[in-house]
Amino acid sequence: MGSENRCEEIESTEAMLELSYLCTFPMAARAVILLKVPEILSAESSPLTAKQIADRIPGTTTSEAKLERLLQALATYGLFDVSGSNPRAYCLNAMSRLLVKDKNGLSMASMFLLNTEPANLETFQFLHEAVLEEGLVPFEKAHGKPVFQYMGENSQLAEIFHSAMSNLSIKSVLQSYDGFKDVKVLVDVGGGIGRNCSMIKAAYPHISAVNFDMPYVIAKAPKLPGIEHCGGSMFESIPTMGDAMLLKNVLHNWDDVACGRILSNCYSALPGFGKLVIIEILIPKEIDMSARSRVAVSFDLAMMNIFKGGKERTFLQFQDLLKLAGFKDSKVVVNKGVFSIMEAYKI
């Protein structure tokens, strides 16, 4: 075997081993989140060693050696910056700061906790069966009921889910999109407990916001100034009081038929001059090895695992759904980062 082939084999073996162990890293991140390590590092102005961090974790049996192993593993993925060598000291960087709540109380920690919840992880063992049997949903196979029914009966998972969805993209949306500036009344369809409305209203105080979701979700929504909570089903009808509507990370949960029903109800509820704002991950035309493509297909597999007919879509697929629902025009207005922003118009 030539030296080039030998090098290629070594590299391929390393890549395959890395892939086979990828599941360990989100679980390691879950561990440091539960141990409050990001908060501990955030409270200090200087890097801390594993011992110094361990001393700040409540409890009397914290293992410095095991914590060091967690931190060094996560550092290889760039989650923490490292200085020194004997002993190493760790600090937050741009990536790990996302695990600490910002001034709005938002962080990416809830997304790690959601994706590593045992209720979610155990469903992936049935992923191959979803390929073999049309209509089989791994989550339903594992738990005997659809995910939203399951969350309606399991408040802890529901709380993590709504926190993860709220924290996921609205902050970046407000940084890159100014399409709410002329909106008078915004209806957030499938808005959870109202965090989207709250952040949008903070940026655009003139907006009157309506947070619309299932009654069991609305029942747990806090009172928020200038925001009306409204319970109902987006498959039946949507409040007609808004000149704009928002669908953020909603359509990817449903198949084309269900999406058509949601979009048709949005169309019916909007005035003639109204617009629909859709925030979703777009599957790129060309799949590559970029982080953006990997995130898109990871979300797509998660949708296949959790929802019947759930999937990420290309913009052309969204255009087809919008046309069938009656919308005359649609376009991508922001297409950078993980999430894309689309607008659709009645006229």
C-alpha atoms as a PDB file:
ATOM      1  CA  MET A   1       0.000   0.000   0.000  1.00  0.00           C
ATOM      2  CA  GLY A   2       1.382   3.374  -1.039  1.00  0.00           C
ATOM      3  CA  SER A   3       2.066   6.106   1.499  1.00  0.00           C
ATOM      4  CA  GLU A   4      -0.759   8.279   0.093  1.00  0.00           C
ATOM      5  CA  ASN A   5      -3.282   5.461   0.418  1.00  0.00           C
ATOM      6  CA  ARG A   6      -2.017   4.714   3.921  1.00  0.00           C
ATOM      7  CA  CYS A   7      -2.435   8.361   4.975  1.00  0.00           C
ATOM      8  CA  GLU A   8      -5.924   8.406   3.490  1.00  0.00           C
ATOM      9  CA  GLU A   9      -6.851   5.241   5.391  1.00  0.00           C
ATOM     10  CA  ILE A  10      -5.562   6.699   8.671  1.00  0.00           C
ATOM     11  CA  GLU A  11      -7.490   9.939   8.134  1.00  0.00           C
ATOM     12  CA  SER A  12     -10.655   8.054   7.174  1.00  0.00           C
ATOM     13  CA  THR A  13     -10.366   5.848  10.255  1.00  0.00           C
ATOM     14  CA  GLU A  14      -9.943   8.892  12.496  1.00  0.00           C
ATOM     15  CA  ALA A  15     -12.944  10.578  10.866  1.00  0.00           C
ATOM     16  CA  MET A  16     -15.080   7.452  11.292  1.00  0.00           C
ATOM     17  CA  LEU A  17     -14.124   7.080  14.955  1.00  0.00           C
ATOM     18  CA  GLU A  18     -14.889  10.756  15.560  1.00  0.00           C
ATOM     19  CA  LEU A  19     -18.295  10.328  13.934  1.00  0.00           C
ATOM     20  CA  SER A  20     -19.067   7.251  16.008  1.00  0.00           C
ATOM     21  CA  TYR A  21     -18.329   9.159  19.224  1.00  0.00           C
ATOM     22  CA  LEU A  22     -20.041  12.437  18.326  1.00  0.00           C
ATOM     23  CA  CYS A  23     -22.942  11.694  20.675  1.00  0.00           C
ATOM     24  CA  THR A  24     -20.583  12.024  23.665  1.00  0.00           C
ATOM     25  CA  PHE A  25     -20.047  15.755  23.154  1.00  0.00           C
ATOM     26  CA  PRO A  26     -23.612  17.025  23.566  1.00  0.00           C
ATOM     27  CA  MET A  27     -23.864  14.815  26.650  1.00  0.00           C
ATOM     28  CA  ALA A  28     -20.625  16.329  27.991  1.00  0.00           C
ATOM     29  CA  ALA A  29     -22.063  19.790  27.312  1.00  0.00           C
ATOM     30  CA  ARG A  30     -25.251  18.779  29.130  1.00  0.00           C
ATOM     31  CA  ALA A  31     -23.134  17.743  32.110  1.00  0.00           C
ATOM     32  CA  VAL A  32     -21.305  21.074  32.389  1.00  0.00           C
ATOM     33  CA  ILE A  33     -24.598  22.960  31.951  1.00  0.00           C
ATOM     34  CA  LEU A  34     -26.191  20.996  34.793  1.00  0.00           C
ATOM     35  CA  LEU A  35     -23.069  21.631  36.892  1.00  0.00           C
ATOM     36  CA  LYS A  36     -23.462  25.390  36.199  1.00  0.00           C
ATOM     37  CA  VAL A  37     -19.915  25.622  34.844  1.00  0.00           C
ATOM     38  CA  PRO A  38     -20.716  28.376  32.284  1.00  0.00           C
ATOM     39  CA  GLU A  39     -22.249  30.534  35.036  1.00  0.00           C
ATOM     40  CA  ILE A  40     -19.252  29.918  37.299  1.00  0.00           C
ATOM     41  CA  LEU A  41     -16.814  30.990  34.562  1.00  0.00           C
ATOM     42  CA  SER A  42     -19.010  33.962  33.666  1.00  0.00           C
ATOM     43  CA  ALA A  43     -18.772  35.276  37.222  1.00  0.00           C
ATOM     44  CA  GLU A  44     -14.957  35.400  37.104  1.00  0.00           C
ATOM     45  CA  SER A  45     -12.673  37.818  35.269  1.00  0.00           C
ATOM     46  CA  SER A  46      -9.809  35.325  34.997  1.00  0.00           C
ATOM     47  CA  PRO A  47      -9.589  31.722  33.705  1.00  0.00           C
ATOM     48  CA  LEU A  48     -10.173  28.987  36.288  1.00  0.00           C
ATOM     49  CA  THR A  49      -8.600  25.586  36.704  1.00  0.00           C
ATOM     50  CA  ALA A  50     -10.722  22.482  37.062  1.00  0.00           C
ATOM     51  CA  LYS A  51     -10.018  22.525  40.803  1.00  0.00           C
ATOM     52  CA  GLN A  52     -11.118  26.150  41.128  1.00  0.00           C
ATOM     53  CA  ILE A  53     -14.307  25.395  39.207  1.00  0.00           C
ATOM     54  CA  ALA A  54     -14.931  22.249  41.268  1.00  0.00           C
ATOM     55  CA  ASP A  55     -14.565  24.259  44.470  1.00  0.00           C
ATOM     56  CA  ARG A  56     -17.392  26.517  43.272  1.00  0.00           C
ATOM     57  CA  ILE A  57     -19.810  23.691  42.445  1.00  0.00           C
ATOM     58  CA  PRO A  58     -22.202  23.002  45.324  1.00  0.00           C
ATOM     59  CA  GLY A  59     -21.575  19.594  46.867  1.00  0.00           C
ATOM     60  CA  THR A  60     -18.827  17.930  48.829  1.00  0.00           C
ATOM     61  CA  THR A  61     -17.720  15.161  46.471  1.00  0.00           C
ATOM     62  CA  THR A  62     -17.093  17.033  43.194  1.00  0.00           C
ATOM     63  CA  SER A  63     -14.339  15.226  41.278  1.00  0.00           C
ATOM     64  CA  GLU A  64     -11.712  17.630  40.001  1.00  0.00           C
ATOM     65  CA  ALA A  65     -10.181  14.916  37.794  1.00  0.00           C
ATOM     66  CA  LYS A  66     -13.465  14.007  36.086  1.00  0.00           C
ATOM     67  CA  LEU A  67     -14.374  17.653  35.611  1.00  0.00           C
ATOM     68  CA  GLU A  68     -10.992  18.213  33.949  1.00  0.00           C
ATOM     69  CA  ARG A  69     -11.760  15.380  31.520  1.00  0.00           C
ATOM     70  CA  LEU A  70     -15.118  16.948  30.625  1.00  0.00           C
ATOM     71  CA  LEU A  71     -13.582  20.369  30.085  1.00  0.00           C
ATOM     72  CA  GLN A  72     -10.671  19.167  27.975  1.00  0.00           C
ATOM     73  CA  ALA A  73     -13.048  17.170  25.778  1.00  0.00           C
ATOM     74  CA  LEU A  74     -15.287  20.168  25.184  1.00  0.00           C
ATOM     75  CA  ALA A  75     -12.283  22.409  24.560  1.00  0.00           C
ATOM     76  CA  THR A  76     -11.375  20.237  21.550  1.00  0.00           C
ATOM     77  CA  TYR A  77     -14.683  21.363  20.040  1.00  0.00           C
ATOM     78  CA  GLY A  78     -13.971  24.991  20.850  1.00  0.00           C
ATOM     79  CA  LEU A  79     -16.538  25.302  23.620  1.00  0.00           C
ATOM     80  CA  PHE A  80     -13.987  26.714  26.077  1.00  0.00           C
ATOM     81  CA  ASP A  81     -10.712  28.570  25.677  1.00  0.00           C
ATOM     82  CA  VAL A  82      -7.696  27.050  27.404  1.00  0.00           C
ATOM     83  CA  SER A  83      -4.567  28.651  28.831  1.00  0.00           C
ATOM     84  CA  GLY A  84      -1.574  27.056  30.497  1.00  0.00           C
ATOM     85  CA  SER A  85      -0.867  23.359  30.681  1.00  0.00           C
ATOM     86  CA  ASN A  86      -0.047  22.357  34.244  1.00  0.00           C
ATOM     87  CA  PRO A  87      -2.678  22.912  35.358  1.00  0.00           C
ATOM     88  CA  ARG A  88      -4.899  24.061  32.503  1.00  0.00           C
ATOM     89  CA  ALA A  89      -7.205  27.011  33.058  1.00  0.00           C
ATOM     90  CA  TYR A  90     -10.502  27.496  31.261  1.00  0.00           C
ATOM     91  CA  CYS A  91     -12.601  30.508  30.320  1.00  0.00           C
ATOM     92  CA  LEU A  92     -15.638  31.322  28.248  1.00  0.00           C
ATOM     93  CA  ASN A  93     -15.398  32.326  24.602  1.00  0.00           C
ATOM     94  CA  ALA A  94     -17.943  33.597  22.067  1.00  0.00           C
ATOM     95  CA  MET A  95     -19.408  30.104  21.751  1.00  0.00           C
ATOM     96  CA  SER A  96     -19.724  29.162  25.434  1.00  0.00           C
ATOM     97  CA  ARG A  97     -21.082  32.598  26.359  1.00  0.00           C
ATOM     98  CA  LEU A  98     -24.214  31.518  24.504  1.00  0.00           C
ATOM     99  CA  LEU A  99     -24.796  29.067  27.371  1.00  0.00           C
ATOM    100  CA  VAL A 100     -25.105  31.937  29.861  1.00  0.00           C
ATOM    101  CA  LYS A 101     -28.363  33.885  30.053  1.00  0.00           C
ATOM    102  CA  ASP A 102     -28.177  37.306  28.448  1.00  0.00           C
ATOM    103  CA  LYS A 103     -29.957  40.455  29.614  1.00  0.00           C
ATOM    104  CA  ASN A 104     -33.209  39.070  28.213  1.00  0.00           C
ATOM    105  CA  GLY A 105     -32.816  35.827  30.160  1.00  0.00           C
ATOM    106  CA  LEU A 106     -32.053  33.835  27.003  1.00  0.00           C
ATOM    107  CA  SER A 107     -29.348  31.252  26.369  1.00  0.00           C
ATOM    108  CA  MET A 108     -28.637  28.238  24.168  1.00  0.00           C
ATOM    109  CA  ALA A 109     -28.394  25.969  27.217  1.00  0.00           C
ATOM    110  CA  SER A 110     -32.029  24.960  26.873  1.00  0.00           C
ATOM    111  CA  MET A 111     -31.382  23.638  23.351  1.00  0.00           C
ATOM    112  CA  PHE A 112     -28.669  21.317  24.690  1.00  0.00           C
ATOM    113  CA  LEU A 113     -30.959  20.187  27.495  1.00  0.00           C
ATOM    114  CA  LEU A 114     -33.843  19.563  25.077  1.00  0.00           C
ATOM    115  CA  ASN A 115     -31.791  17.540  22.614  1.00  0.00           C
ATOM    116  CA  THR A 116     -30.203  15.460  25.365  1.00  0.00           C
ATOM    117  CA  GLU A 117     -33.384  14.810  27.361  1.00  0.00           C
ATOM    118  CA  PRO A 118     -33.815  11.040  27.868  1.00  0.00           C
ATOM    119  CA  ALA A 119     -37.343  11.290  26.415  1.00  0.00           C
ATOM    120  CA  ASN A 120     -35.800  12.512  23.153  1.00  0.00           C
ATOM    121  CA  LEU A 121     -32.676  10.380  23.067  1.00  0.00           C
ATOM    122  CA  GLU A 122     -34.452   7.047  23.434  1.00  0.00           C
ATOM    123  CA  THR A 123     -36.567   7.730  20.347  1.00  0.00           C
ATOM    124  CA  PHE A 124     -33.582   7.647  17.981  1.00  0.00           C
ATOM    125  CA  GLN A 125     -33.236   3.882  18.357  1.00  0.00           C
ATOM    126  CA  PHE A 126     -36.289   3.611  16.099  1.00  0.00           C
ATOM    127  CA  LEU A 127     -35.000   5.931  13.368  1.00  0.00           C
ATOM    128  CA  HIS A 128     -34.253   3.058  10.989  1.00  0.00           C
ATOM    129  CA  GLU A 129     -37.817   1.788  11.414  1.00  0.00           C
ATOM    130  CA  ALA A 130     -39.128   5.123  10.122  1.00  0.00           C
ATOM    131  CA  VAL A 131     -37.290   4.341   6.867  1.00  0.00           C
ATOM    132  CA  LEU A 132     -38.694   0.813   6.698  1.00  0.00           C
ATOM    133  CA  GLU A 133     -42.306   1.643   7.611  1.00  0.00           C
ATOM    134  CA  GLU A 134     -44.105   4.610   6.045  1.00  0.00           C
ATOM    135  CA  GLY A 135     -45.919   6.660   8.651  1.00  0.00           C
ATOM    136  CA  LEU A 136     -43.948   5.369  11.644  1.00  0.00           C
ATOM    137  CA  VAL A 137     -42.787   8.168  13.949  1.00  0.00           C
ATOM    138  CA  PRO A 138     -39.917   7.151  16.279  1.00  0.00           C
ATOM    139  CA  PHE A 139     -41.110   9.442  19.092  1.00  0.00           C
ATOM    140  CA  GLU A 140     -44.586   7.919  18.979  1.00  0.00           C
ATOM    141  CA  LYS A 141     -43.124   4.411  18.818  1.00  0.00           C
ATOM    142  CA  ALA A 142     -41.088   5.106  21.961  1.00  0.00           C
ATOM    143  CA  HIS A 143     -43.768   6.926  23.968  1.00  0.00           C
ATOM    144  CA  GLY A 144     -47.061   5.754  22.538  1.00  0.00           C
ATOM    145  CA  LYS A 145     -48.376   9.234  21.718  1.00  0.00           C
ATOM    146  CA  PRO A 146     -47.567  12.313  19.592  1.00  0.00           C
ATOM    147  CA  VAL A 147     -44.972  14.697  20.964  1.00  0.00           C
ATOM    148  CA  PHE A 148     -47.323  17.608  21.706  1.00  0.00           C
ATOM    149  CA  GLN A 149     -49.706  15.331  23.583  1.00  0.00           C
ATOM    150  CA  TYR A 150     -46.740  13.933  25.492  1.00  0.00           C
ATOM    151  CA  MET A 151     -45.539  17.426  26.385  1.00  0.00           C
ATOM    152  CA  GLY A 152     -49.044  18.368  27.466  1.00  0.00           C
ATOM    153  CA  GLU A 153     -48.741  15.641  30.087  1.00  0.00           C
ATOM    154  CA  ASN A 154     -45.080  16.283  30.965  1.00  0.00           C
ATOM    155  CA  SER A 155     -44.629  19.872  32.069  1.00  0.00           C
ATOM    156  CA  GLN A 156     -40.860  19.645  32.561  1.00  0.00           C
ATOM    157  CA  LEU A 157     -40.200  18.633  28.947  1.00  0.00           C
ATOM    158  CA  ALA A 158     -42.723  21.200  27.719  1.00  0.00           C
ATOM    159  CA  GLU A 159     -40.964  23.959  29.659  1.00  0.00           C
ATOM    160  CA  ILE A 160     -37.564  22.995  28.212  1.00  0.00           C
ATOM    161  CA  PHE A 161     -39.061  22.795  24.703  1.00  0.00           C
ATOM    162  CA  HIS A 162     -40.671  26.231  24.808  1.00  0.00           C
ATOM    163  CA  SER A 163     -37.539  27.746  26.335  1.00  0.00           C
ATOM    164  CA  ALA A 164     -35.366  26.188  23.603  1.00  0.00           C
ATOM    165  CA  MET A 165     -37.670  27.403  20.827  1.00  0.00           C
ATOM    166  CA  SER A 166     -37.812  30.917  22.264  1.00  0.00           C
ATOM    167  CA  ASN A 167     -34.053  31.107  22.693  1.00  0.00           C
ATOM    168  CA  LEU A 168     -33.294  29.646  19.302  1.00  0.00           C
ATOM    169  CA  SER A 169     -33.522  32.442  16.796  1.00  0.00           C
ATOM    170  CA  ILE A 170     -35.563  35.519  17.661  1.00  0.00           C
ATOM    171  CA  LYS A 171     -32.539  37.449  18.962  1.00  0.00           C
ATOM    172  CA  SER A 172     -30.641  37.019  15.696  1.00  0.00           C
ATOM    173  CA  VAL A 173     -33.827  37.800  13.773  1.00  0.00           C
ATOM    174  CA  LEU A 174     -34.155  41.185  15.443  1.00  0.00           C
ATOM    175  CA  GLN A 175     -30.516  41.920  14.637  1.00  0.00           C
ATOM    176  CA  SER A 176     -30.876  41.182  10.923  1.00  0.00           C
ATOM    177  CA  TYR A 177     -34.512  41.952  10.075  1.00  0.00           C
ATOM    178  CA  ASP A 178     -36.419  45.236  10.271  1.00  0.00           C
ATOM    179  CA  GLY A 179     -39.687  44.024   8.765  1.00  0.00           C
ATOM    180  CA  PHE A 180     -41.620  44.587  11.983  1.00  0.00           C
ATOM    181  CA  LYS A 181     -41.086  48.364  11.968  1.00  0.00           C
ATOM    182  CA  ASP A 182     -44.323  49.137  10.093  1.00  0.00           C
ATOM    183  CA  VAL A 183     -46.432  46.451  11.795  1.00  0.00           C
ATOM    184  CA  LYS A 184     -49.277  47.658  14.011  1.00  0.00           C
ATOM    185  CA  VAL A 185     -50.669  44.360  15.318  1.00  0.00           C
ATOM    186  CA  LEU A 186     -48.611  41.166  15.172  1.00  0.00           C
ATOM    187  CA  VAL A 187     -50.074  37.701  15.719  1.00  0.00           C
ATOM    188  CA  ASP A 188     -47.438  35.106  16.639  1.00  0.00           C
ATOM    189  CA  VAL A 189     -48.942  31.802  15.511  1.00  0.00           C
ATOM    190  CA  GLY A 190     -47.646  28.940  17.646  1.00  0.00           C
ATOM    191  CA  GLY A 191     -45.852  31.482  19.822  1.00  0.00           C
ATOM    192  CA  GLY A 192     -45.487  29.337  22.938  1.00  0.00           C
ATOM    193  CA  ILE A 193     -45.594  31.293  26.166  1.00  0.00           C
ATOM    194  CA  GLY A 194     -44.967  34.669  24.527  1.00  0.00           C
ATOM    195  CA  ARG A 195     -41.207  35.181  24.543  1.00  0.00           C
ATOM    196  CA  ASN A 196     -41.113  36.013  20.826  1.00  0.00           C
ATOM    197  CA  CYS A 197     -43.786  38.682  21.263  1.00  0.00           C
ATOM    198  CA  SER A 198     -42.040  40.055  24.316  1.00  0.00           C
ATOM    199  CA  MET A 199     -38.694  40.522  22.553  1.00  0.00           C
ATOM    200  CA  ILE A 200     -40.266  41.915  19.376  1.00  0.00           C
ATOM    201  CA  LYS A 201     -42.303  44.388  21.402  1.00  0.00           C
ATOM    202  CA  ALA A 202     -39.192  45.434  23.330  1.00  0.00           C
ATOM    203  CA  ALA A 203     -37.554  46.295  20.011  1.00  0.00           C
ATOM    204  CA  TYR A 204     -40.720  47.841  18.527  1.00  0.00           C
ATOM    205  CA  PRO A 205     -42.774  49.247  21.428  1.00  0.00           C
ATOM    206  CA  HIS A 206     -45.513  50.565  19.107  1.00  0.00           C
ATOM    207  CA  ILE A 207     -46.598  47.014  18.195  1.00  0.00           C
ATOM    208  CA  SER A 208     -49.622  45.402  19.807  1.00  0.00           C
ATOM    209  CA  ALA A 209     -48.854  41.697  19.995  1.00  0.00           C
ATOM    210  CA  VAL A 210     -51.082  38.630  20.153  1.00  0.00           C
ATOM    211  CA  ASN A 211     -49.503  35.374  21.276  1.00  0.00           C
ATOM    212  CA  PHE A 212     -51.543  32.487  19.841  1.00  0.00           C
ATOM    213  CA  ASP A 213     -51.051  28.849  20.815  1.00  0.00           C
ATOM    214  CA  MET A 214     -52.834  25.791  22.176  1.00  0.00           C
ATOM    215  CA  PRO A 215     -54.899  26.459  25.324  1.00  0.00           C
ATOM    216  CA  TYR A 216     -52.700  24.249  27.545  1.00  0.00           C
ATOM    217  CA  VAL A 217     -49.665  26.298  26.458  1.00  0.00           C
ATOM    218  CA  ILE A 218     -51.396  29.646  26.936  1.00  0.00           C
ATOM    219  CA  ALA A 219     -52.507  28.544  30.410  1.00  0.00           C
ATOM    220  CA  LYS A 220     -48.846  28.656  31.485  1.00  0.00           C
ATOM    221  CA  ALA A 221     -47.966  31.908  29.735  1.00  0.00           C
ATOM    222  CA  PRO A 222     -47.040  34.788  32.051  1.00  0.00           C
ATOM    223  CA  LYS A 223     -48.782  38.142  31.894  1.00  0.00           C
ATOM    224  CA  LEU A 224     -46.745  40.395  29.641  1.00  0.00           C
ATOM    225  CA  PRO A 225     -47.372  44.128  29.135  1.00  0.00           C
ATOM    226  CA  GLY A 226     -48.891  44.952  25.764  1.00  0.00           C
ATOM    227  CA  ILE A 227     -49.302  41.281  24.820  1.00  0.00           C
ATOM    228  CA  GLU A 228     -52.607  39.448  24.567  1.00  0.00           C
ATOM    229  CA  HIS A 229     -52.516  35.666  24.976  1.00  0.00           C
ATOM    230  CA  CYS A 230     -55.062  33.812  22.888  1.00  0.00           C
ATOM    231  CA  GLY A 231     -55.752  30.070  22.978  1.00  0.00           C
ATOM    232  CA  GLY A 232     -56.937  28.020  20.029  1.00  0.00           C
ATOM    233  CA  SER A 233     -55.876  25.720  17.202  1.00  0.00           C
ATOM    234  CA  MET A 234     -54.076  27.033  14.146  1.00  0.00           C
ATOM    235  CA  PHE A 235     -55.646  24.151  12.205  1.00  0.00           C
ATOM    236  CA  GLU A 236     -59.126  25.541  12.830  1.00  0.00           C
ATOM    237  CA  SER A 237     -58.797  29.330  12.727  1.00  0.00           C
ATOM    238  CA  ILE A 238     -56.397  32.136  13.585  1.00  0.00           C
ATOM    239  CA  PRO A 239     -57.271  35.494  15.216  1.00  0.00           C
ATOM    240  CA  THR A 240     -58.058  38.089  12.540  1.00  0.00           C
ATOM    241  CA  MET A 241     -56.848  41.122  14.491  1.00  0.00           C
ATOM    242  CA  GLY A 242     -53.335  41.414  13.034  1.00  0.00           C
ATOM    243  CA  ASP A 243     -51.921  43.153   9.976  1.00  0.00           C
ATOM    244  CA  ALA A 244     -48.938  40.780  10.181  1.00  0.00           C
ATOM    245  CA  MET A 245     -48.422  37.213  11.320  1.00  0.00           C
ATOM    246  CA  LEU A 246     -45.357  35.329  12.449  1.00  0.00           C
ATOM    247  CA  LEU A 247     -44.646  31.621  12.047  1.00  0.00           C
ATOM    248  CA  LYS A 248     -41.313  30.889  13.713  1.00  0.00           C
ATOM    249  CA  ASN A 249     -40.079  27.294  13.577  1.00  0.00           C
ATOM    250  CA  VAL A 250     -43.651  26.016  13.251  1.00  0.00           C
ATOM    251  CA  LEU A 251     -44.077  24.671   9.720  1.00  0.00           C
ATOM    252  CA  HIS A 252     -41.166  22.246   9.957  1.00  0.00           C
ATOM    253  CA  ASN A 253     -43.180  20.250  12.517  1.00  0.00           C
ATOM    254  CA  TRP A 254     -45.850  19.309   9.975  1.00  0.00           C
ATOM    255  CA  ASP A 255     -46.380  17.561   6.643  1.00  0.00           C
ATOM    256  CA  ASP A 256     -47.430  19.454   3.525  1.00  0.00           C
ATOM    257  CA  VAL A 257     -51.165  18.898   4.076  1.00  0.00           C
ATOM    258  CA  ALA A 258     -51.051  20.257   7.641  1.00  0.00           C
ATOM    259  CA  CYS A 259     -48.832  23.170   6.545  1.00  0.00           C
ATOM    260  CA  GLY A 260     -51.346  23.962   3.819  1.00  0.00           C
ATOM    261  CA  ARG A 261     -54.109  24.172   6.407  1.00  0.00           C
ATOM    262  CA  ILE A 262     -52.050  26.466   8.662  1.00  0.00           C
ATOM    263  CA  LEU A 263     -51.066  28.732   5.775  1.00  0.00           C
ATOM    264  CA  SER A 264     -54.628  28.865   4.420  1.00  0.00           C
ATOM    265  CA  ASN A 265     -55.865  29.946   7.853  1.00  0.00           C
ATOM    266  CA  CYS A 266     -53.156  32.624   7.985  1.00  0.00           C
ATOM    267  CA  TYR A 267     -54.222  33.810   4.537  1.00  0.00           C
ATOM    268  CA  SER A 268     -57.872  33.997   5.569  1.00  0.00           C
ATOM    269  CA  ALA A 269     -57.078  35.888   8.780  1.00  0.00           C
ATOM    270  CA  LEU A 270     -54.797  38.503   7.218  1.00  0.00           C
ATOM    271  CA  PRO A 271     -56.153  41.737   5.705  1.00  0.00           C
ATOM    272  CA  GLY A 272     -55.511  42.401   2.032  1.00  0.00           C
ATOM    273  CA  PHE A 273     -52.371  44.425   2.756  1.00  0.00           C
ATOM    274  CA  GLY A 274     -51.122  42.003   5.401  1.00  0.00           C
ATOM    275  CA  LYS A 275     -47.962  39.956   5.342  1.00  0.00           C
ATOM    276  CA  LEU A 276     -46.801  36.671   6.784  1.00  0.00           C
ATOM    277  CA  VAL A 277     -43.294  36.371   8.238  1.00  0.00           C
ATOM    278  CA  ILE A 278     -41.879  32.834   8.242  1.00  0.00           C
ATOM    279  CA  ILE A 279     -38.679  31.915  10.068  1.00  0.00           C
ATOM    280  CA  GLU A 280     -37.283  28.474   9.278  1.00  0.00           C
ATOM    281  CA  ILE A 281     -34.114  26.639   8.400  1.00  0.00           C
ATOM    282  CA  LEU A 282     -33.804  26.264   4.629  1.00  0.00           C
ATOM    283  CA  ILE A 283     -32.283  23.142   3.141  1.00  0.00           C
ATOM    284  CA  PRO A 284     -29.617  24.450   0.735  1.00  0.00           C
ATOM    285  CA  LYS A 285     -29.710  23.575  -2.953  1.00  0.00           C
ATOM    286  CA  GLU A 286     -26.258  22.057  -2.700  1.00  0.00           C
ATOM    287  CA  ILE A 287     -25.333  20.006   0.372  1.00  0.00           C
ATOM    288  CA  ASP A 288     -21.759  20.540   1.524  1.00  0.00           C
ATOM    289  CA  MET A 289     -19.741  20.031   4.706  1.00  0.00           C
ATOM    290  CA  SER A 290     -20.317  23.523   6.092  1.00  0.00           C
ATOM    291  CA  ALA A 291     -21.698  24.032   9.588  1.00  0.00           C
ATOM    292  CA  ARG A 292     -24.826  25.565   8.050  1.00  0.00           C
ATOM    293  CA  SER A 293     -25.564  22.465   5.967  1.00  0.00           C
ATOM    294  CA  ARG A 294     -24.864  20.173   8.911  1.00  0.00           C
ATOM    295  CA  VAL A 295     -27.239  22.113  11.147  1.00  0.00           C
ATOM    296  CA  ALA A 296     -29.938  22.058   8.460  1.00  0.00           C
ATOM    297  CA  VAL A 297     -29.783  18.299   7.928  1.00  0.00           C
ATOM    298  CA  SER A 298     -29.506  17.675  11.693  1.00  0.00           C
ATOM    299  CA  PHE A 299     -32.754  19.562  12.226  1.00  0.00           C
ATOM    300  CA  ASP A 300     -34.284  17.640   9.332  1.00  0.00           C
ATOM    301  CA  LEU A 301     -33.434  14.288  10.943  1.00  0.00           C
ATOM    302  CA  ALA A 302     -34.800  15.524  14.277  1.00  0.00           C
ATOM    303  CA  MET A 303     -38.087  16.438  12.570  1.00  0.00           C
ATOM    304  CA  MET A 304     -38.269  13.004  10.964  1.00  0.00           C
ATOM    305  CA  ASN A 305     -37.661  11.458  14.365  1.00  0.00           C
ATOM    306  CA  ILE A 306     -40.221  13.466  16.321  1.00  0.00           C
ATOM    307  CA  PHE A 307     -43.060  14.497  14.014  1.00  0.00           C
ATOM    308  CA  LYS A 308     -45.218  12.678  11.504  1.00  0.00           C
ATOM    309  CA  GLY A 309     -44.355  14.334   8.218  1.00  0.00           C
ATOM    310  CA  GLY A 310     -42.136  16.954   9.863  1.00  0.00           C
ATOM    311  CA  LYS A 311     -39.201  18.134   7.756  1.00  0.00           C
ATOM    312  CA  GLU A 312     -37.032  21.062   6.793  1.00  0.00           C
ATOM    313  CA  ARG A 313     -37.686  22.419   3.317  1.00  0.00           C
ATOM    314  CA  THR A 314     -36.081  24.324   0.472  1.00  0.00           C
ATOM    315  CA  PHE A 315     -37.390  27.788  -0.393  1.00  0.00           C
ATOM    316  CA  LEU A 316     -38.978  26.392  -3.568  1.00  0.00           C
ATOM    317  CA  GLN A 317     -40.961  23.930  -1.443  1.00  0.00           C
ATOM    318  CA  PHE A 318     -42.146  26.791   0.770  1.00  0.00           C
ATOM    319  CA  GLN A 319     -43.099  28.801  -2.320  1.00  0.00           C
ATOM    320  CA  ASP A 320     -45.258  25.932  -3.582  1.00  0.00           C
ATOM    321  CA  LEU A 321     -47.061  25.649  -0.225  1.00  0.00           C
ATOM    322  CA  LEU A 322     -47.651  29.409  -0.078  1.00  0.00           C
ATOM    323  CA  LYS A 323     -49.054  29.539  -3.611  1.00  0.00           C
ATOM    324  CA  LEU A 324     -51.479  26.720  -2.859  1.00  0.00           C
ATOM    325  CA  ALA A 325     -52.628  28.629   0.242  1.00  0.00           C
ATOM    326  CA  GLY A 326     -53.403  31.706  -1.878  1.00  0.00           C
ATOM    327  CA  PHE A 327     -50.375  33.931  -1.281  1.00  0.00           C
ATOM    328  CA  LYS A 328     -49.513  35.823  -4.453  1.00  0.00           C
ATOM    329  CA  ASP A 329     -45.897  36.620  -3.712  1.00  0.00           C
ATOM    330  CA  SER A 330     -43.130  35.386  -1.419  1.00  0.00           C
ATOM    331  CA  LYS A 331     -39.433  35.992  -1.043  1.00  0.00           C
ATOM    332  CA  VAL A 332     -36.421  35.321   1.182  1.00  0.00           C
ATOM    333  CA  VAL A 333     -35.483  38.588   2.876  1.00  0.00           C
ATOM    334  CA  VAL A 334     -32.701  37.289   5.151  1.00  0.00           C
ATOM    335  CA  ASN A 335     -30.618  34.279   4.199  1.00  0.00           C
ATOM    336  CA  LYS A 336     -27.564  34.214   6.421  1.00  0.00           C
ATOM    337  CA  GLY A 337     -26.757  32.259   9.526  1.00  0.00           C
ATOM    338  CA  VAL A 338     -28.757  29.211  10.515  1.00  0.00           C
ATOM    339  CA  PHE A 339     -32.263  30.641  10.086  1.00  0.00           C
ATOM    340  CA  SER A 340     -33.760  32.274   7.037  1.00  0.00           C
ATOM    341  CA  ILE A 341     -36.574  34.815   7.046  1.00  0.00           C
ATOM    342  CA  MET A 342     -39.270  34.734   4.379  1.00  0.00           C
ATOM    343  CA  GLU A 343     -42.155  37.094   3.713  1.00  0.00           C
ATOM    344  CA  ALA A 344     -45.404  36.234   1.929  1.00  0.00           C
ATOM    345  CA  TYR A 345     -48.066  38.665   0.777  1.00  0.00           C
ATOM    346  CA  LYS A 346     -51.760  38.377  -0.081  1.00  0.00           C
ATOM    347  CA  ILE A 347     -51.547  40.882  -2.926  1.00  0.00           C
END
